[in-house]
Amino acid sequence: MKRLFLSLLALCVCFAQTPVPRGRGAPPDSEEDLRFPNGKSQRDEIIKADHQKNVQEAIDLAKIAQDLKSDLEKSDKNIVSVKSIKQTEEIEKLARSIRARLKRY
């Protein structure tokens, strides 16, 4: 049993040390910086759009969290509304979306 556990642990350590390329298959340094006809960098425009979307979703997330807080303060301690549960799911969804975009860079 110990031998099996140690061999699995060694296998996990070996795979954990392998570098994983970021992005969609290739490291960002190997990609050529594409330009639009107006001279702007495609990568810069994507980053700008992602930033604007992150800011908007963060505003939405804060608003939903504030609504959830007020709903929880108003409700009875023994009752949880379906609306509150849906709000927590929306908060999770927005947080995952923001985190995924931030991890790209």
PDB file of N, CA and C in Angstrom:
ATOM      1  N   MET A   1       0.824  -1.193   0.000  1.00  0.00           N
ATOM      2  CA  MET A   1       0.000   0.000   0.000  1.00  0.00           C
ATOM      3  C   MET A   1       0.867   1.256   0.000  1.00  0.00           C
ATOM      4  N   LYS A   2       1.924   1.232   0.871  1.00  0.00           N
ATOM      5  CA  LYS A   2       2.830   2.377   0.924  1.00  0.00           C
ATOM      6  C   LYS A   2       3.560   2.557  -0.404  1.00  0.00           C
ATOM      7  N   ARG A   3       3.938   1.443  -0.992  1.00  0.00           N
ATOM      8  CA  ARG A   3       4.672   1.492  -2.252  1.00  0.00           C
ATOM      9  C   ARG A   3       3.806   2.107  -3.355  1.00  0.00           C
ATOM     10  N   LEU A   4       2.533   1.747  -3.390  1.00  0.00           N
ATOM     11  CA  LEU A   4       1.605   2.294  -4.373  1.00  0.00           C
ATOM     12  C   LEU A   4       1.424   3.794  -4.160  1.00  0.00           C
ATOM     13  N   PHE A   5       1.269   4.183  -2.909  1.00  0.00           N
ATOM     14  CA  PHE A   5       1.096   5.599  -2.589  1.00  0.00           C
ATOM     15  C   PHE A   5       2.335   6.406  -2.984  1.00  0.00           C
ATOM     16  N   LEU A   6       3.517   5.890  -2.661  1.00  0.00           N
ATOM     17  CA  LEU A   6       4.749   6.604  -3.007  1.00  0.00           C
ATOM     18  C   LEU A   6       4.947   6.700  -4.518  1.00  0.00           C
ATOM     19  N   SER A   7       4.601   5.649  -5.250  1.00  0.00           N
ATOM     20  CA  SER A   7       4.753   5.708  -6.706  1.00  0.00           C
ATOM     21  C   SER A   7       3.764   6.703  -7.319  1.00  0.00           C
ATOM     22  N   LEU A   8       2.525   6.757  -6.793  1.00  0.00           N
ATOM     23  CA  LEU A   8       1.559   7.744  -7.277  1.00  0.00           C
ATOM     24  C   LEU A   8       2.019   9.160  -6.943  1.00  0.00           C
ATOM     25  N   LEU A   9       2.569   9.347  -5.769  1.00  0.00           N
ATOM     26  CA  LEU A   9       3.078  10.662  -5.373  1.00  0.00           C
ATOM     27  C   LEU A   9       4.220  11.096  -6.284  1.00  0.00           C
ATOM     28  N   ALA A  10       5.137  10.177  -6.585  1.00  0.00           N
ATOM     29  CA  ALA A  10       6.253  10.498  -7.480  1.00  0.00           C
ATOM     30  C   ALA A  10       5.753  10.835  -8.877  1.00  0.00           C
ATOM     31  N   LEU A  11       4.744  10.122  -9.341  1.00  0.00           N
ATOM     32  CA  LEU A  11       4.164  10.385 -10.653  1.00  0.00           C
ATOM     33  C   LEU A  11       3.518  11.768 -10.700  1.00  0.00           C
ATOM     34  N   CYS A  12       2.800  12.106  -9.638  1.00  0.00           N
ATOM     35  CA  CYS A  12       2.158  13.429  -9.574  1.00  0.00           C
ATOM     36  C   CYS A  12       3.188  14.543  -9.569  1.00  0.00           C
ATOM     37  N   VAL A  13       4.285  14.343  -8.841  1.00  0.00           N
ATOM     38  CA  VAL A  13       5.329  15.361  -8.786  1.00  0.00           C
ATOM     39  C   VAL A  13       5.959  15.549 -10.155  1.00  0.00           C
ATOM     40  N   CYS A  14       6.165  14.457 -10.876  1.00  0.00           N
ATOM     41  CA  CYS A  14       6.747  14.568 -12.223  1.00  0.00           C
ATOM     42  C   CYS A  14       5.856  15.366 -13.162  1.00  0.00           C
ATOM     43  N   PHE A  15       4.546  15.105 -13.120  1.00  0.00           N
ATOM     44  CA  PHE A  15       3.630  15.818 -14.001  1.00  0.00           C
ATOM     45  C   PHE A  15       3.414  17.255 -13.549  1.00  0.00           C
ATOM     46  N   ALA A  16       3.557  17.514 -12.279  1.00  0.00           N
ATOM     47  CA  ALA A  16       3.347  18.866 -11.769  1.00  0.00           C
ATOM     48  C   ALA A  16       4.468  19.798 -12.213  1.00  0.00           C
ATOM     49  N   GLN A  17       5.624  19.265 -12.529  1.00  0.00           N
ATOM     50  CA  GLN A  17       6.752  20.096 -12.901  1.00  0.00           C
ATOM     51  C   GLN A  17       6.826  20.395 -14.388  1.00  0.00           C
ATOM     52  N   THR A  18       5.992  19.794 -15.199  1.00  0.00           N
ATOM     53  CA  THR A  18       5.996  20.065 -16.632  1.00  0.00           C
ATOM     54  C   THR A  18       5.356  21.415 -16.905  1.00  0.00           C
ATOM     55  N   PRO A  19       6.046  22.291 -17.627  1.00  0.00           N
ATOM     56  CA  PRO A  19       5.459  23.604 -17.917  1.00  0.00           C
ATOM     57  C   PRO A  19       4.290  23.487 -18.896  1.00  0.00           C
ATOM     58  N   VAL A  20       3.269  24.265 -18.635  1.00  0.00           N
ATOM     59  CA  VAL A  20       2.085  24.277 -19.490  1.00  0.00           C
ATOM     60  C   VAL A  20       2.053  25.612 -20.226  1.00  0.00           C
ATOM     61  N   PRO A  21       1.979  25.594 -21.568  1.00  0.00           N
ATOM     62  CA  PRO A  21       1.932  26.861 -22.295  1.00  0.00           C
ATOM     63  C   PRO A  21       0.640  27.607 -22.002  1.00  0.00           C
ATOM     64  N   ARG A  22       0.748  28.942 -21.896  1.00  0.00           N
ATOM     65  CA  ARG A  22      -0.417  29.780 -21.635  1.00  0.00           C
ATOM     66  C   ARG A  22      -1.137  30.083 -22.938  1.00  0.00           C
ATOM     67  N   GLY A  23      -2.369  30.500 -22.799  1.00  0.00           N
ATOM     68  CA  GLY A  23      -3.140  30.922 -23.966  1.00  0.00           C
ATOM     69  C   GLY A  23      -3.738  29.746 -24.695  1.00  0.00           C
ATOM     70  N   ARG A  24      -3.826  29.872 -26.001  1.00  0.00           N
ATOM     71  CA  ARG A  24      -4.509  28.847 -26.804  1.00  0.00           C
ATOM     72  C   ARG A  24      -3.521  27.988 -27.566  1.00  0.00           C
ATOM     73  N   GLY A  25      -2.574  27.418 -26.867  1.00  0.00           N
ATOM     74  CA  GLY A  25      -1.691  26.470 -27.494  1.00  0.00           C
ATOM     75  C   GLY A  25      -0.261  26.933 -27.649  1.00  0.00           C
ATOM     76  N   ALA A  26      -0.016  28.230 -27.713  1.00  0.00           N
ATOM     77  CA  ALA A  26       1.340  28.713 -27.904  1.00  0.00           C
ATOM     78  C   ALA A  26       1.620  29.840 -26.929  1.00  0.00           C
ATOM     79  N   PRO A  27       2.881  29.970 -26.517  1.00  0.00           N
ATOM     80  CA  PRO A  27       3.218  31.089 -25.636  1.00  0.00           C
ATOM     81  C   PRO A  27       2.995  32.421 -26.337  1.00  0.00           C
ATOM     82  N   PRO A  28       2.627  33.470 -25.586  1.00  0.00           N
ATOM     83  CA  PRO A  28       2.331  34.755 -26.219  1.00  0.00           C
ATOM     84  C   PRO A  28       3.515  35.371 -26.946  1.00  0.00           C
ATOM     85  N   ASP A  29       4.760  35.015 -26.560  1.00  0.00           N
ATOM     86  CA  ASP A  29       5.930  35.600 -27.210  1.00  0.00           C
ATOM     87  C   ASP A  29       6.089  35.122 -28.648  1.00  0.00           C
ATOM     88  N   SER A  30       5.597  33.923 -28.958  1.00  0.00           N
ATOM     89  CA  SER A  30       5.794  33.383 -30.295  1.00  0.00           C
ATOM     90  C   SER A  30       4.780  33.929 -31.304  1.00  0.00           C
ATOM     91  N   GLU A  31       3.710  34.554 -30.809  1.00  0.00           N
ATOM     92  CA  GLU A  31       2.707  35.091 -31.717  1.00  0.00           C
ATOM     93  C   GLU A  31       3.170  36.434 -32.289  1.00  0.00           C
ATOM     94  N   GLU A  32       2.877  36.625 -33.535  1.00  0.00           N
ATOM     95  CA  GLU A  32       3.219  37.877 -34.179  1.00  0.00           C
ATOM     96  C   GLU A  32       2.153  38.910 -33.822  1.00  0.00           C
ATOM     97  N   ASP A  33       2.563  40.128 -33.521  1.00  0.00           N
ATOM     98  CA  ASP A  33       1.628  41.182 -33.150  1.00  0.00           C
ATOM     99  C   ASP A  33       0.922  41.681 -34.407  1.00  0.00           C
ATOM    100  N   LEU A  34      -0.353  41.340 -34.532  1.00  0.00           N
ATOM    101  CA  LEU A  34      -1.117  41.737 -35.704  1.00  0.00           C
ATOM    102  C   LEU A  34      -1.581  43.180 -35.552  1.00  0.00           C
ATOM    103  N   ARG A  35      -1.686  43.869 -36.671  1.00  0.00           N
ATOM    104  CA  ARG A  35      -2.104  45.267 -36.678  1.00  0.00           C
ATOM    105  C   ARG A  35      -3.349  45.422 -37.524  1.00  0.00           C
ATOM    106  N   PHE A  36      -4.222  46.303 -37.087  1.00  0.00           N
ATOM    107  CA  PHE A  36      -5.392  46.667 -37.872  1.00  0.00           C
ATOM    108  C   PHE A  36      -4.963  47.655 -38.948  1.00  0.00           C
ATOM    109  N   PRO A  37      -5.791  47.863 -39.979  1.00  0.00           N
ATOM    110  CA  PRO A  37      -5.431  48.821 -41.034  1.00  0.00           C
ATOM    111  C   PRO A  37      -5.182  50.242 -40.498  1.00  0.00           C
ATOM    112  N   ASN A  38      -5.816  50.607 -39.383  1.00  0.00           N
ATOM    113  CA  ASN A  38      -5.599  51.944 -38.822  1.00  0.00           C
ATOM    114  C   ASN A  38      -4.327  52.025 -37.984  1.00  0.00           C
ATOM    115  N   GLY A  39      -3.555  50.923 -37.872  1.00  0.00           N
ATOM    116  CA  GLY A  39      -2.276  50.940 -37.178  1.00  0.00           C
ATOM    117  C   GLY A  39      -2.335  50.474 -35.734  1.00  0.00           C
ATOM    118  N   LYS A  40      -3.510  50.250 -35.194  1.00  0.00           N
ATOM    119  CA  LYS A  40      -3.620  49.819 -33.801  1.00  0.00           C
ATOM    120  C   LYS A  40      -3.319  48.326 -33.686  1.00  0.00           C
ATOM    121  N   SER A  41      -2.738  47.961 -32.561  1.00  0.00           N
ATOM    122  CA  SER A  41      -2.399  46.577 -32.302  1.00  0.00           C
ATOM    123  C   SER A  41      -3.655  45.796 -31.910  1.00  0.00           C
ATOM    124  N   GLN A  42      -3.810  44.623 -32.517  1.00  0.00           N
ATOM    125  CA  GLN A  42      -4.974  43.784 -32.204  1.00  0.00           C
ATOM    126  C   GLN A  42      -4.929  43.344 -30.747  1.00  0.00           C
ATOM    127  N   ARG A  43      -3.753  43.011 -30.247  1.00  0.00           N
ATOM    128  CA  ARG A  43      -3.610  42.576 -28.849  1.00  0.00           C
ATOM    129  C   ARG A  43      -3.997  43.696 -27.893  1.00  0.00           C
ATOM    130  N   ASP A  44      -3.570  44.923 -28.186  1.00  0.00           N
ATOM    131  CA  ASP A  44      -3.915  46.057 -27.331  1.00  0.00           C
ATOM    132  C   ASP A  44      -5.419  46.300 -27.307  1.00  0.00           C
ATOM    133  N   GLU A  45      -6.065  46.143 -28.443  1.00  0.00           N
ATOM    134  CA  GLU A  45      -7.507  46.341 -28.515  1.00  0.00           C
ATOM    135  C   GLU A  45      -8.257  45.260 -27.733  1.00  0.00           C
ATOM    136  N   ILE A  46      -7.759  44.032 -27.800  1.00  0.00           N
ATOM    137  CA  ILE A  46      -8.379  42.940 -27.047  1.00  0.00           C
ATOM    138  C   ILE A  46      -8.215  43.187 -25.548  1.00  0.00           C
ATOM    139  N   ILE A  47      -7.037  43.613 -25.144  1.00  0.00           N
ATOM    140  CA  ILE A  47      -6.787  43.906 -23.728  1.00  0.00           C
ATOM    141  C   ILE A  47      -7.686  45.040 -23.255  1.00  0.00           C
ATOM    142  N   LYS A  48      -7.833  46.076 -24.080  1.00  0.00           N
ATOM    143  CA  LYS A  48      -8.689  47.203 -23.715  1.00  0.00           C
ATOM    144  C   LYS A  48     -10.147  46.758 -23.564  1.00  0.00           C
ATOM    145  N   ALA A  49     -10.622  45.925 -24.497  1.00  0.00           N
ATOM    146  CA  ALA A  49     -12.007  45.434 -24.425  1.00  0.00           C
ATOM    147  C   ALA A  49     -12.213  44.543 -23.203  1.00  0.00           C
ATOM    148  N   ASP A  50     -11.225  43.695 -22.914  1.00  0.00           N
ATOM    149  CA  ASP A  50     -11.319  42.847 -21.722  1.00  0.00           C
ATOM    150  C   ASP A  50     -11.350  43.688 -20.451  1.00  0.00           C
ATOM    151  N   HIS A  51     -10.545  44.732 -20.409  1.00  0.00           N
ATOM    152  CA  HIS A  51     -10.518  45.608 -19.236  1.00  0.00           C
ATOM    153  C   HIS A  51     -11.877  46.284 -19.031  1.00  0.00           C
ATOM    154  N   GLN A  52     -12.448  46.788 -20.112  1.00  0.00           N
ATOM    155  CA  GLN A  52     -13.758  47.434 -20.005  1.00  0.00           C
ATOM    156  C   GLN A  52     -14.824  46.441 -19.542  1.00  0.00           C
ATOM    157  N   LYS A  53     -14.756  45.217 -20.056  1.00  0.00           N
ATOM    158  CA  LYS A  53     -15.721  44.197 -19.640  1.00  0.00           C
ATOM    159  C   LYS A  53     -15.514  43.817 -18.174  1.00  0.00           C
ATOM    160  N   ASN A  54     -14.254  43.728 -17.731  1.00  0.00           N
ATOM    161  CA  ASN A  54     -13.972  43.443 -16.323  1.00  0.00           C
ATOM    162  C   ASN A  54     -14.536  44.525 -15.412  1.00  0.00           C
ATOM    163  N   VAL A  55     -14.351  45.775 -15.791  1.00  0.00           N
ATOM    164  CA  VAL A  55     -14.857  46.880 -14.979  1.00  0.00           C
ATOM    165  C   VAL A  55     -16.378  46.833 -14.908  1.00  0.00           C
ATOM    166  N   GLN A  56     -17.031  46.610 -16.049  1.00  0.00           N
ATOM    167  CA  GLN A  56     -18.496  46.561 -16.063  1.00  0.00           C
ATOM    168  C   GLN A  56     -19.022  45.395 -15.233  1.00  0.00           C
ATOM    169  N   GLU A  57     -18.389  44.223 -15.365  1.00  0.00           N
ATOM    170  CA  GLU A  57     -18.835  43.071 -14.590  1.00  0.00           C
ATOM    171  C   GLU A  57     -18.549  43.248 -13.104  1.00  0.00           C
ATOM    172  N   ALA A  58     -17.472  43.941 -12.759  1.00  0.00           N
ATOM    173  CA  ALA A  58     -17.186  44.218 -11.349  1.00  0.00           C
ATOM    174  C   ALA A  58     -18.250  45.149 -10.760  1.00  0.00           C
ATOM    175  N   ILE A  59     -18.703  46.114 -11.546  1.00  0.00           N
ATOM    176  CA  ILE A  59     -19.782  47.009 -11.100  1.00  0.00           C
ATOM    177  C   ILE A  59     -21.058  46.199 -10.886  1.00  0.00           C
ATOM    178  N   ASP A  60     -21.377  45.319 -11.846  1.00  0.00           N
ATOM    179  CA  ASP A  60     -22.564  44.464 -11.720  1.00  0.00           C
ATOM    180  C   ASP A  60     -22.455  43.559 -10.494  1.00  0.00           C
ATOM    181  N   LEU A  61     -21.264  42.992 -10.304  1.00  0.00           N
ATOM    182  CA  LEU A  61     -21.042  42.097  -9.178  1.00  0.00           C
ATOM    183  C   LEU A  61     -21.244  42.831  -7.849  1.00  0.00           C
ATOM    184  N   ALA A  62     -20.715  44.033  -7.748  1.00  0.00           N
ATOM    185  CA  ALA A  62     -20.873  44.817  -6.519  1.00  0.00           C
ATOM    186  C   ALA A  62     -22.343  45.151  -6.263  1.00  0.00           C
ATOM    187  N   LYS A  63     -23.077  45.471  -7.322  1.00  0.00           N
ATOM    188  CA  LYS A  63     -24.503  45.795  -7.174  1.00  0.00           C
ATOM    189  C   LYS A  63     -25.293  44.582  -6.702  1.00  0.00           C
ATOM    190  N   ILE A  64     -25.034  43.429  -7.302  1.00  0.00           N
ATOM    191  CA  ILE A  64     -25.733  42.210  -6.907  1.00  0.00           C
ATOM    192  C   ILE A  64     -25.375  41.838  -5.468  1.00  0.00           C
ATOM    193  N   ALA A  65     -24.111  41.988  -5.107  1.00  0.00           N
ATOM    194  CA  ALA A  65     -23.686  41.671  -3.741  1.00  0.00           C
ATOM    195  C   ALA A  65     -24.368  42.597  -2.734  1.00  0.00           C
ATOM    196  N   GLN A  66     -24.509  43.865  -3.084  1.00  0.00           N
ATOM    197  CA  GLN A  66     -25.195  44.810  -2.198  1.00  0.00           C
ATOM    198  C   GLN A  66     -26.678  44.444  -2.061  1.00  0.00           C
ATOM    199  N   ASP A  67     -27.311  44.074  -3.177  1.00  0.00           N
ATOM    200  CA  ASP A  67     -28.711  43.641  -3.128  1.00  0.00           C
ATOM    201  C   ASP A  67     -28.870  42.392  -2.266  1.00  0.00           C
ATOM    202  N   LEU A  68     -27.938  41.457  -2.414  1.00  0.00           N
ATOM    203  CA  LEU A  68     -27.977  40.236  -1.615  1.00  0.00           C
ATOM    204  C   LEU A  68     -27.835  40.556  -0.133  1.00  0.00           C
ATOM    205  N   LYS A  69     -26.935  41.459   0.182  1.00  0.00           N
ATOM    206  CA  LYS A  69     -26.730  41.847   1.578  1.00  0.00           C
ATOM    207  C   LYS A  69     -28.003  42.435   2.170  1.00  0.00           C
ATOM    208  N   SER A  70     -28.648  43.330   1.439  1.00  0.00           N
ATOM    209  CA  SER A  70     -29.871  43.937   1.959  1.00  0.00           C
ATOM    210  C   SER A  70     -30.998  42.914   2.075  1.00  0.00           C
ATOM    211  N   ASP A  71     -31.096  41.975   1.118  1.00  0.00           N
ATOM    212  CA  ASP A  71     -32.108  40.926   1.196  1.00  0.00           C
ATOM    213  C   ASP A  71     -31.887  40.025   2.410  1.00  0.00           C
ATOM    214  N   LEU A  72     -30.624  39.694   2.669  1.00  0.00           N
ATOM    215  CA  LEU A  72     -30.326  38.828   3.810  1.00  0.00           C
ATOM    216  C   LEU A  72     -30.585  39.540   5.140  1.00  0.00           C
ATOM    217  N   GLU A  73     -30.331  40.836   5.181  1.00  0.00           N
ATOM    218  CA  GLU A  73     -30.603  41.590   6.407  1.00  0.00           C
ATOM    219  C   GLU A  73     -32.100  41.693   6.674  1.00  0.00           C
ATOM    220  N   LYS A  74     -32.902  41.775   5.628  1.00  0.00           N
ATOM    221  CA  LYS A  74     -34.353  41.904   5.769  1.00  0.00           C
ATOM    222  C   LYS A  74     -35.021  40.579   6.105  1.00  0.00           C
ATOM    223  N   SER A  75     -34.455  39.467   5.615  1.00  0.00           N
ATOM    224  CA  SER A  75     -35.125  38.183   5.761  1.00  0.00           C
ATOM    225  C   SER A  75     -34.942  37.602   7.156  1.00  0.00           C
ATOM    226  N   ASP A  76     -35.768  36.610   7.442  1.00  0.00           N
ATOM    227  CA  ASP A  76     -35.715  35.887   8.705  1.00  0.00           C
ATOM    228  C   ASP A  76     -34.475  34.993   8.702  1.00  0.00           C
ATOM    229  N   LYS A  77     -33.914  34.736   9.870  1.00  0.00           N
ATOM    230  CA  LYS A  77     -32.688  33.940   9.935  1.00  0.00           C
ATOM    231  C   LYS A  77     -32.903  32.478   9.542  1.00  0.00           C
ATOM    232  N   ASN A  78     -34.151  32.011   9.581  1.00  0.00           N
ATOM    233  CA  ASN A  78     -34.439  30.611   9.260  1.00  0.00           C
ATOM    234  C   ASN A  78     -34.910  30.401   7.832  1.00  0.00           C
ATOM    235  N   ILE A  79     -35.062  31.472   7.077  1.00  0.00           N
ATOM    236  CA  ILE A  79     -35.606  31.360   5.725  1.00  0.00           C
ATOM    237  C   ILE A  79     -34.619  31.964   4.727  1.00  0.00           C
ATOM    238  N   VAL A  80     -34.359  31.212   3.659  1.00  0.00           N
ATOM    239  CA  VAL A  80     -33.515  31.705   2.575  1.00  0.00           C
ATOM    240  C   VAL A  80     -34.375  31.716   1.317  1.00  0.00           C
ATOM    241  N   SER A  81     -34.439  32.857   0.663  1.00  0.00           N
ATOM    242  CA  SER A  81     -35.288  32.963  -0.521  1.00  0.00           C
ATOM    243  C   SER A  81     -34.578  32.412  -1.754  1.00  0.00           C
ATOM    244  N   VAL A  82     -35.357  32.043  -2.732  1.00  0.00           N
ATOM    245  CA  VAL A  82     -34.823  31.558  -4.003  1.00  0.00           C
ATOM    246  C   VAL A  82     -34.062  32.685  -4.698  1.00  0.00           C
ATOM    247  N   LYS A  83     -34.547  33.904  -4.531  1.00  0.00           N
ATOM    248  CA  LYS A  83     -33.881  35.067  -5.133  1.00  0.00           C
ATOM    249  C   LYS A  83     -32.454  35.198  -4.597  1.00  0.00           C
ATOM    250  N   SER A  84     -32.268  34.968  -3.304  1.00  0.00           N
ATOM    251  CA  SER A  84     -30.934  35.055  -2.709  1.00  0.00           C
ATOM    252  C   SER A  84     -30.008  33.988  -3.272  1.00  0.00           C
ATOM    253  N   ILE A  85     -30.530  32.805  -3.449  1.00  0.00           N
ATOM    254  CA  ILE A  85     -29.715  31.725  -4.011  1.00  0.00           C
ATOM    255  C   ILE A  85     -29.322  32.044  -5.450  1.00  0.00           C
ATOM    256  N   LYS A  86     -30.256  32.573  -6.231  1.00  0.00           N
ATOM    257  CA  LYS A  86     -29.954  32.946  -7.617  1.00  0.00           C
ATOM    258  C   LYS A  86     -28.927  34.081  -7.667  1.00  0.00           C
ATOM    259  N   GLN A  87     -29.015  35.004  -6.703  1.00  0.00           N
ATOM    260  CA  GLN A  87     -28.038  36.088  -6.655  1.00  0.00           C
ATOM    261  C   GLN A  87     -26.640  35.550  -6.353  1.00  0.00           C
ATOM    262  N   THR A  88     -26.534  34.579  -5.445  1.00  0.00           N
ATOM    263  CA  THR A  88     -25.216  34.005  -5.159  1.00  0.00           C
ATOM    264  C   THR A  88     -24.655  33.277  -6.378  1.00  0.00           C
ATOM    265  N   GLU A  89     -25.518  32.615  -7.132  1.00  0.00           N
ATOM    266  CA  GLU A  89     -25.059  31.946  -8.355  1.00  0.00           C
ATOM    267  C   GLU A  89     -24.577  32.955  -9.388  1.00  0.00           C
ATOM    268  N   GLU A  90     -25.268  34.076  -9.497  1.00  0.00           N
ATOM    269  CA  GLU A  90     -24.854  35.130 -10.433  1.00  0.00           C
ATOM    270  C   GLU A  90     -23.523  35.745  -9.992  1.00  0.00           C
ATOM    271  N   ILE A  91     -23.341  35.921  -8.691  1.00  0.00           N
ATOM    272  CA  ILE A  91     -22.074  36.439  -8.171  1.00  0.00           C
ATOM    273  C   ILE A  91     -20.934  35.493  -8.526  1.00  0.00           C
ATOM    274  N   GLU A  92     -21.149  34.193  -8.319  1.00  0.00           N
ATOM    275  CA  GLU A  92     -20.128  33.203  -8.672  1.00  0.00           C
ATOM    276  C   GLU A  92     -19.800  33.242 -10.162  1.00  0.00           C
ATOM    277  N   LYS A  93     -20.818  33.332 -10.989  1.00  0.00           N
ATOM    278  CA  LYS A  93     -20.638  33.353 -12.445  1.00  0.00           C
ATOM    279  C   LYS A  93     -19.812  34.573 -12.872  1.00  0.00           C
ATOM    280  N   LEU A  94     -20.147  35.731 -12.336  1.00  0.00           N
ATOM    281  CA  LEU A  94     -19.409  36.949 -12.686  1.00  0.00           C
ATOM    282  C   LEU A  94     -17.963  36.876 -12.187  1.00  0.00           C
ATOM    283  N   ALA A  95     -17.780  36.376 -10.980  1.00  0.00           N
ATOM    284  CA  ALA A  95     -16.425  36.277 -10.426  1.00  0.00           C
ATOM    285  C   ALA A  95     -15.564  35.324 -11.253  1.00  0.00           C
ATOM    286  N   ARG A  96     -16.127  34.194 -11.670  1.00  0.00           N
ATOM    287  CA  ARG A  96     -15.380  33.252 -12.518  1.00  0.00           C
ATOM    288  C   ARG A  96     -15.026  33.874 -13.866  1.00  0.00           C
ATOM    289  N   SER A  97     -15.965  34.621 -14.413  1.00  0.00           N
ATOM    290  CA  SER A  97     -15.742  35.260 -15.706  1.00  0.00           C
ATOM    291  C   SER A  97     -14.599  36.280 -15.619  1.00  0.00           C
ATOM    292  N   ILE A  98     -14.621  37.095 -14.581  1.00  0.00           N
ATOM    293  CA  ILE A  98     -13.554  38.088 -14.397  1.00  0.00           C
ATOM    294  C   ILE A  98     -12.222  37.384 -14.172  1.00  0.00           C
ATOM    295  N   ARG A  99     -12.207  36.368 -13.314  1.00  0.00           N
ATOM    296  CA  ARG A  99     -10.972  35.646 -13.015  1.00  0.00           C
ATOM    297  C   ARG A  99     -10.396  35.009 -14.273  1.00  0.00           C
ATOM    298  N   ALA A 100     -11.231  34.430 -15.116  1.00  0.00           N
ATOM    299  CA  ALA A 100     -10.757  33.784 -16.337  1.00  0.00           C
ATOM    300  C   ALA A 100     -10.099  34.795 -17.272  1.00  0.00           C
ATOM    301  N   ARG A 101     -10.707  35.971 -17.393  1.00  0.00           N
ATOM    302  CA  ARG A 101     -10.117  36.996 -18.262  1.00  0.00           C
ATOM    303  C   ARG A 101      -8.790  37.514 -17.678  1.00  0.00           C
ATOM    304  N   LEU A 102      -8.717  37.662 -16.362  1.00  0.00           N
ATOM    305  CA  LEU A 102      -7.492  38.151 -15.748  1.00  0.00           C
ATOM    306  C   LEU A 102      -6.357  37.138 -15.847  1.00  0.00           C
ATOM    307  N   LYS A 103      -6.677  35.868 -15.827  1.00  0.00           N
ATOM    308  CA  LYS A 103      -5.630  34.827 -15.898  1.00  0.00           C
ATOM    309  C   LYS A 103      -5.000  34.749 -17.274  1.00  0.00           C
ATOM    310  N   ARG A 104      -5.640  35.301 -18.286  1.00  0.00           N
ATOM    311  CA  ARG A 104      -5.065  35.251 -19.639  1.00  0.00           C
ATOM    312  C   ARG A 104      -3.777  36.049 -19.754  1.00  0.00           C
ATOM    313  N   TYR A 105      -3.599  37.041 -18.909  1.00  0.00           N
ATOM    314  CA  TYR A 105      -2.448  37.936 -19.061  1.00  0.00           C
ATOM    315  C   TYR A 105      -1.507  37.854 -17.932  1.00  0.00           C
TER     316      TYR A 105
END
